[in-house]
Protein backbone atom coordinates (compact mmCIF):
# COMPACT_ATOMS: atom_id res chain seq x y z
CA MET A 1 0.18 -0.02 0.13
CA GLN A 2 1.25 3.27 -1.13
CA LEU A 3 0.96 6.40 1.63
CA SER A 4 0.01 9.43 0.83
CA LYS A 5 1.79 12.63 0.87
CA GLU A 6 0.12 13.64 3.82
CA VAL A 7 0.20 10.88 5.74
CA LYS A 8 4.41 10.90 5.15
CA ILE A 9 4.29 14.37 6.64
CA GLY A 10 2.31 13.47 9.78
CA ILE A 11 4.42 10.58 10.65
CA VAL A 12 7.90 12.77 10.43
CA ALA A 13 6.29 15.49 12.14
CA ILE A 14 5.44 13.00 14.92
CA ILE A 15 8.63 11.70 14.91
CA VAL A 16 10.45 15.17 14.78
CA LEU A 17 8.10 15.37 17.94
CA ALA A 18 9.13 12.74 19.75
CA ILE A 19 12.55 13.63 19.03
CA THR A 20 12.35 17.03 20.73
CA VAL A 21 10.48 16.44 23.40
CA TRP A 22 12.93 13.10 24.16
CA GLY A 23 15.86 15.01 24.05
CA PHE A 24 14.17 18.35 25.92
CA ASN A 25 13.90 15.85 28.69
CA PHE A 26 17.44 14.34 28.49
CA LEU A 27 18.74 18.08 28.24
CA LYS A 28 16.86 18.59 31.58
CA GLY A 29 18.23 14.41 32.93
CA THR A 30 15.16 12.92 32.38
CA ASN A 31 15.19 9.76 30.40
CA ILE A 32 11.46 8.96 29.48
CA LEU A 33 13.08 5.79 27.74
CA LYS A 34 13.84 4.64 31.16
CA PRO A 35 11.74 4.12 34.41
CA THR A 36 12.73 6.25 37.17
CA ASP A 37 12.02 7.04 41.03
CA GLU A 38 11.68 10.97 41.80
CA TYR A 39 12.16 12.26 45.57
CA TYR A 40 12.00 15.62 46.71
CA ILE A 41 14.36 17.52 49.47
CA ILE A 42 13.77 21.09 51.48
CA PHE A 43 16.68 23.36 51.24
CA ASP A 44 17.38 26.69 52.91
CA ARG A 45 20.18 27.51 50.70
CA VAL A 46 20.60 26.20 47.02
CA ASP A 47 23.70 27.62 46.13
CA GLY A 48 25.34 25.91 42.95
CA LEU A 49 22.39 23.96 42.07
CA ILE A 50 21.16 24.12 38.90
CA GLU A 51 18.47 22.02 36.83
CA SER A 52 19.99 18.86 35.31
CA GLY A 53 22.50 18.85 38.08
CA ASN A 54 24.01 15.55 38.90
CA VAL A 55 22.91 13.08 41.95
CA MET A 56 25.76 11.37 43.16
CA TYR A 57 26.11 7.87 45.52
CA GLN A 58 29.77 7.47 46.43
CA GLY A 59 30.86 9.31 43.54
CA TYR A 60 28.37 7.23 41.04
CA LYS A 61 25.80 9.22 39.08
CA VAL A 62 22.41 8.00 40.21
CA GLY A 63 20.14 10.57 38.97
CA ASN A 64 19.79 14.23 37.88
CA ILE A 65 18.12 17.22 39.21
CA THR A 66 14.90 17.87 37.39
CA SER A 67 13.47 21.20 39.24
CA LEU A 68 14.58 23.64 41.61
CA TYR A 69 11.80 26.22 42.82
CA PHE A 70 10.74 28.82 45.84
CA ASP A 71 8.22 27.56 48.04
CA ASN A 72 5.82 30.43 48.33
CA GLU A 73 3.69 28.92 50.80
CA GLY A 74 5.69 30.85 53.27
CA SER A 75 8.30 28.18 54.36
CA GLY A 76 11.21 30.81 52.84
CA LYS A 77 12.73 27.51 51.78
CA PHE A 78 13.86 26.06 48.24
CA ARG A 79 12.09 22.83 46.97
CA VAL A 80 14.22 20.25 44.99
CA LYS A 81 13.19 17.54 42.97
CA ILE A 82 15.44 14.51 41.61
CA ILE A 83 14.66 11.60 39.38
CA LEU A 84 17.28 8.22 40.00
CA GLU A 85 17.32 6.36 36.90
CA GLU A 86 19.13 3.59 39.27
CA ARG A 87 16.96 1.19 40.91
CA ILE A 88 18.50 2.15 44.27
CA ASN A 89 16.85 1.25 47.57
CA ILE A 90 17.48 4.48 49.74
CA PRO A 91 16.88 3.54 53.49
CA LEU A 92 14.99 5.42 55.73
CA ASN A 93 17.08 8.87 57.69
CA SER A 94 19.45 9.06 54.53
CA VAL A 95 20.36 12.30 54.06
CA VAL A 96 20.95 14.42 50.71
CA LYS A 97 23.70 17.40 51.18
CA ILE A 98 24.95 20.05 48.54
CA LYS A 99 28.34 19.16 47.66
CA GLN A 100 30.95 21.71 45.80
CA VAL A 101 33.16 18.69 44.11
CA ASN A 102 35.21 21.26 41.87
CA PRO A 103 35.87 24.33 43.86
CA LEU A 104 36.42 26.64 40.86
CA ALA A 105 33.17 25.61 39.14
CA SER A 106 30.16 27.82 40.60
CA THR A 107 27.80 24.62 40.49
CA SER A 108 27.18 21.76 42.91
CA ASP A 109 26.31 18.49 42.96
CA LEU A 110 24.08 16.21 45.46
CA GLU A 111 25.08 13.08 47.28
CA ILE A 112 22.99 10.78 48.95
CA ILE A 113 24.43 9.27 52.27
CA PHE A 114 23.06 6.04 53.43
CA SER A 115 21.81 5.39 56.88
CA ASN A 116 21.96 1.89 58.39
CA ASN A 117 17.88 1.78 58.75
CA THR A 118 16.24 -1.80 56.93
CA GLN A 119 13.36 0.19 55.66
CA PHE A 120 12.98 2.14 53.02
CA HIS A 121 11.84 5.10 51.42
CA HIS A 122 9.48 5.26 48.78
CA SER A 123 9.14 7.14 45.02
CA GLY A 124 7.87 10.29 45.68
CA ASP A 125 9.01 11.32 49.59
CA THR A 126 10.71 13.82 50.91
CA LEU A 127 14.65 13.15 51.94
CA ALA A 128 16.45 14.87 54.73
CA SER A 129 18.97 17.37 53.70
CA ALA A 130 21.98 18.61 55.07
CA VAL A 131 24.70 20.85 53.55
CA ASP A 132 28.33 20.42 52.93
CA VAL A 133 30.66 23.35 53.51
CA GLY A 134 33.26 22.35 51.54
CA LEU A 135 36.52 23.63 50.77
CA MET A 136 35.62 26.99 49.91
CA GLY A 137 33.09 27.03 53.55
CA ILE A 138 36.15 25.91 55.27
CA ILE A 139 38.61 28.56 53.90
CA SER A 140 35.22 31.70 54.66
CA GLY A 141 35.35 29.89 58.62
CA LEU A 142 39.10 30.60 58.75
CA VAL A 143 38.63 34.04 57.36
CA PRO A 144 38.29 36.18 60.75
CA GLN A 145 41.15 34.00 61.87
CA LEU A 146 43.24 35.19 59.30
CA GLN A 147 42.39 38.49 59.62
CA ARG A 148 43.04 39.10 63.67
CA ALA A 149 46.48 37.22 62.25
CA ILE A 150 47.34 39.47 59.57
CA GLY A 151 46.64 42.42 62.01
CA SER A 152 48.68 40.69 64.91
CA LEU A 153 51.53 40.64 62.56
CA ASP A 154 51.08 44.27 61.31
CA THR A 155 51.05 45.28 64.63
CA ILE A 156 54.58 43.34 65.35
CA LEU A 157 56.45 44.73 62.30
CA LEU A 158 55.34 48.30 63.43
CA SER A 159 56.74 47.42 66.62
CA VAL A 160 59.81 45.74 65.23
CA ASN A 161 60.39 49.02 63.14
CA ARG A 162 59.99 51.02 66.15
CA VAL A 163 62.64 49.10 68.00
CA PHE A 164 64.92 48.94 65.35
CA THR A 165 66.17 52.39 65.27
CA PRO A 166 69.76 53.45 63.01
CA ILE A 167 71.37 52.80 66.54
CA GLU A 168 69.75 49.50 67.07
CA GLN A 169 70.47 48.50 63.46
CA ASP A 170 74.07 49.25 63.65
CA LYS A 171 74.49 47.49 67.11
CA LEU A 172 72.31 43.96 65.55
CA ARG A 173 75.15 44.39 62.45
CA LYS A 174 77.86 44.72 64.99
CA SER A 175 76.28 41.64 66.43
CA ILE A 176 76.01 39.23 63.56
CA GLY A 177 79.44 40.81 62.49
CA ASN A 178 81.67 39.10 65.87
CA LEU A 179 79.01 35.88 65.73
CA GLU A 180 80.81 35.78 62.05
CA ALA A 181 84.22 36.37 63.56
CA THR A 182 83.14 33.83 66.38
CA LEU A 183 82.43 30.81 63.83
CA SER A 184 85.26 31.49 61.78
CA SER A 185 87.64 31.43 64.82
CA LEU A 186 85.69 28.07 65.64
CA ASN A 187 86.51 26.55 62.75
CA LYS A 188 90.09 27.45 62.36
CA SER A 189 90.05 25.62 65.97
CA LEU A 190 88.16 22.60 64.52
CA ALA A 191 91.32 22.68 61.69
CA ALA A 192 93.42 19.80 61.86
CA ASN A 193 96.79 22.37 63.04
CA GLY A 194 93.96 24.34 65.09
CA ASN A 195 94.01 23.80 68.66
CA LEU A 196 91.03 21.58 68.53
CA GLY A 197 92.26 19.82 66.11
CA LYS A 198 95.17 18.91 67.92
CA SER A 199 93.41 17.86 71.26
CA PHE A 200 91.07 15.89 69.29
CA ASP A 201 93.99 14.08 67.98
CA ASN A 202 95.73 13.82 71.74
CA LEU A 203 92.45 12.15 72.41
CA GLU A 204 92.43 9.82 69.89
CA SER A 205 96.15 8.87 71.00
CA VAL A 206 94.84 8.12 74.34
CA THR A 207 92.26 6.33 73.03
CA GLY A 208 94.49 3.99 70.96
CA THR A 209 97.23 4.01 73.99
CA LEU A 210 94.54 2.23 75.70
CA ARG A 211 93.16 0.10 73.36
CA ASP A 212 96.65 -0.89 72.49
CA ASN A 213 97.07 -1.70 76.33
CA ASN A 214 93.48 -3.48 76.84
CA GLU A 215 94.85 -6.90 77.90
CA ASN A 216 97.05 -5.23 80.70
CA ILE A 217 94.05 -3.69 81.80
CA SER A 218 92.19 -6.74 82.04
CA SER A 219 95.03 -8.04 83.69
CA THR A 220 95.00 -5.35 86.32
CA LEU A 221 91.23 -5.30 87.18
CA GLU A 222 91.71 -9.36 87.27
CA ASN A 223 94.32 -8.97 89.92
CA LEU A 224 92.30 -6.07 91.75
CA SER A 225 89.69 -8.34 92.01
CA GLY A 226 91.41 -11.00 92.91
CA ILE A 227 92.68 -8.74 95.97
CA THR A 228 89.31 -7.95 96.53
CA ALA A 229 88.21 -11.33 96.85
CA ALA A 230 90.72 -12.12 99.04
CA LEU A 231 89.95 -9.43 101.60
CA ASP A 232 86.31 -10.68 101.38
CA SER A 233 87.20 -13.53 102.07
CA ALA A 234 89.68 -12.92 105.51
CA ASP A 235 88.50 -13.36 108.41
CA LEU A 236 88.07 -9.70 109.48
CA GLU A 237 85.54 -9.90 111.77
CA TYR A 238 87.91 -11.82 114.09
CA THR A 239 90.88 -9.50 113.13
CA LEU A 240 88.90 -6.55 114.48
CA LEU A 241 88.04 -8.59 117.26
CA LYS A 242 91.58 -8.97 118.39
CA LEU A 243 92.26 -5.51 117.53
CA ASP A 244 89.67 -4.60 119.63
CA SER A 245 90.78 -6.45 122.90
CA THR A 246 94.20 -5.99 122.40
CA LEU A 247 93.24 -1.60 122.47
CA ALA A 248 91.20 -2.16 125.83
CA SER A 249 93.66 -3.79 127.14
CA LEU A 250 96.38 -1.00 126.65
CA TYR A 251 93.80 1.33 127.57
CA ASN A 252 93.53 -0.39 131.15
CA THR A 253 97.17 -0.38 130.89
CA LEU A 254 97.75 3.70 130.56
CA SER A 255 94.75 3.68 133.01
CA LYS A 256 96.66 2.06 135.97
CA ILE A 257 99.27 3.96 135.11
CA ASP A 258 97.63 7.16 135.31
CA GLU A 259 96.03 6.44 138.46
CA GLY A 260 99.39 6.05 139.96
CA GLU A 261 99.25 1.63 140.09
CA GLY A 262 102.85 -0.09 139.73
CA SER A 263 106.11 0.83 139.53
CA MET A 264 105.42 3.03 136.14
CA GLY A 265 102.51 4.25 137.86
CA MET A 266 104.32 5.25 140.96
CA LEU A 267 107.26 6.95 138.49
CA VAL A 268 104.79 8.58 136.57
CA ASN A 269 102.55 9.98 139.66
CA ASP A 270 105.07 9.85 142.43
CA THR A 271 106.75 13.74 142.42
CA SER A 272 109.09 12.32 145.07
CA LEU A 273 110.73 9.86 143.23
CA TYR A 274 111.52 12.31 140.27
CA ILE A 275 112.91 14.41 142.93
CA ASN A 276 115.23 11.87 144.30
CA LEU A 277 116.24 10.67 141.20
CA ASP A 278 116.80 14.52 139.91
CA SER A 279 119.04 15.06 143.20
CA THR A 280 120.80 11.58 142.52
CA ALA A 281 121.54 13.04 139.61
CA TYR A 282 122.87 16.02 140.32
CA HIS A 283 124.91 14.36 143.15
CA LEU A 284 126.58 12.07 140.39
CA SER A 285 127.20 15.13 138.55
CA GLN A 286 129.51 16.70 140.89
CA LEU A 287 130.79 13.80 142.09
CA LEU A 288 132.42 13.08 138.39
CA LYS A 289 133.27 16.31 138.32
CA ASP A 290 135.28 16.23 141.36
CA LEU A 291 136.99 13.01 139.98
CA GLN A 292 138.12 14.68 137.20
CA GLU A 293 139.47 17.51 138.68
CA ASN A 294 140.89 15.61 142.07
CA PRO A 295 141.93 11.82 140.62
CA LYS A 296 144.00 11.06 143.63
CA ARG A 297 141.70 11.33 146.22
CA TYR A 298 139.91 8.36 144.53
CA VAL A 299 142.72 6.47 142.66
CA HIS A 300 145.94 5.45 144.78
CA PHE A 301 148.95 4.24 143.18
CA SER A 302 152.64 3.75 143.75
CA VAL A 303 155.13 2.21 141.72
CA PHE A 304 157.06 0.66 145.18
CA GLY A 305 153.43 -0.45 146.88
CA LYS A 306 153.63 2.61 149.20
CA LYS A 307 150.07 4.57 150.14
CA ASP A 308 150.30 8.07 150.16
CA LYS A 309 149.14 9.82 152.88
């Protein structure tokens, strides 16, 4: 059967209209050829949201924003409609966040965050909303702190400028010069021919000598250990007891002498004995002197055996 020209034009017009409707909805993010679920979210702000924007779940696109309009019923909030092309079940108490994926872009996406609930929403339900502050939100929160920090830094710099007068700056330059001279002197001392270098060489020589005489040192330490072991094994307690007994006896003897007991005590304490001894010594001295001056009085000697009168 041959179609008339009018029928052909009508068929073409219907096809073009269908393609136009499908393309318009596709540009809005709606695929009329695929079954979808629709949900609603209420936001206080819709920064960066646009129709046909993406709806994401863990980085994967699951739907689009189909409409966004202001609620005229007096709530002062925005009502957003989304459709999910993927057949996913959204648990109750899940939330939808506005998330700015690219900080340089002016648009934002919606991200679904599932809860642990075992019951699920149905198509047409209203989901809970939340706002992700994002990088720009964090930076905007830090702006007051940065402003205060910059103000404090400016105050510090002004104080430094007031403190570092030309005279103080000259003193600072001299101090830096002295520090450089000190470091230069230290470097020279640390050189091989410097004082510290020589000291380190001497120290190394001493340690080398100790290392070479390690066997002798070990032997000395072993001998010292043997001496201490011998002292430890000796009957020091008995020796100390004998010494204590000897000292006690000596003390008793000295006490008796001090009290005038015995010959030694009388000799030390009796003054008459001292006086007699002194007198005897004096007379003995006089006798010896007279003997030297007049020996004939005491010695009688004759060749013929006769006595002198």
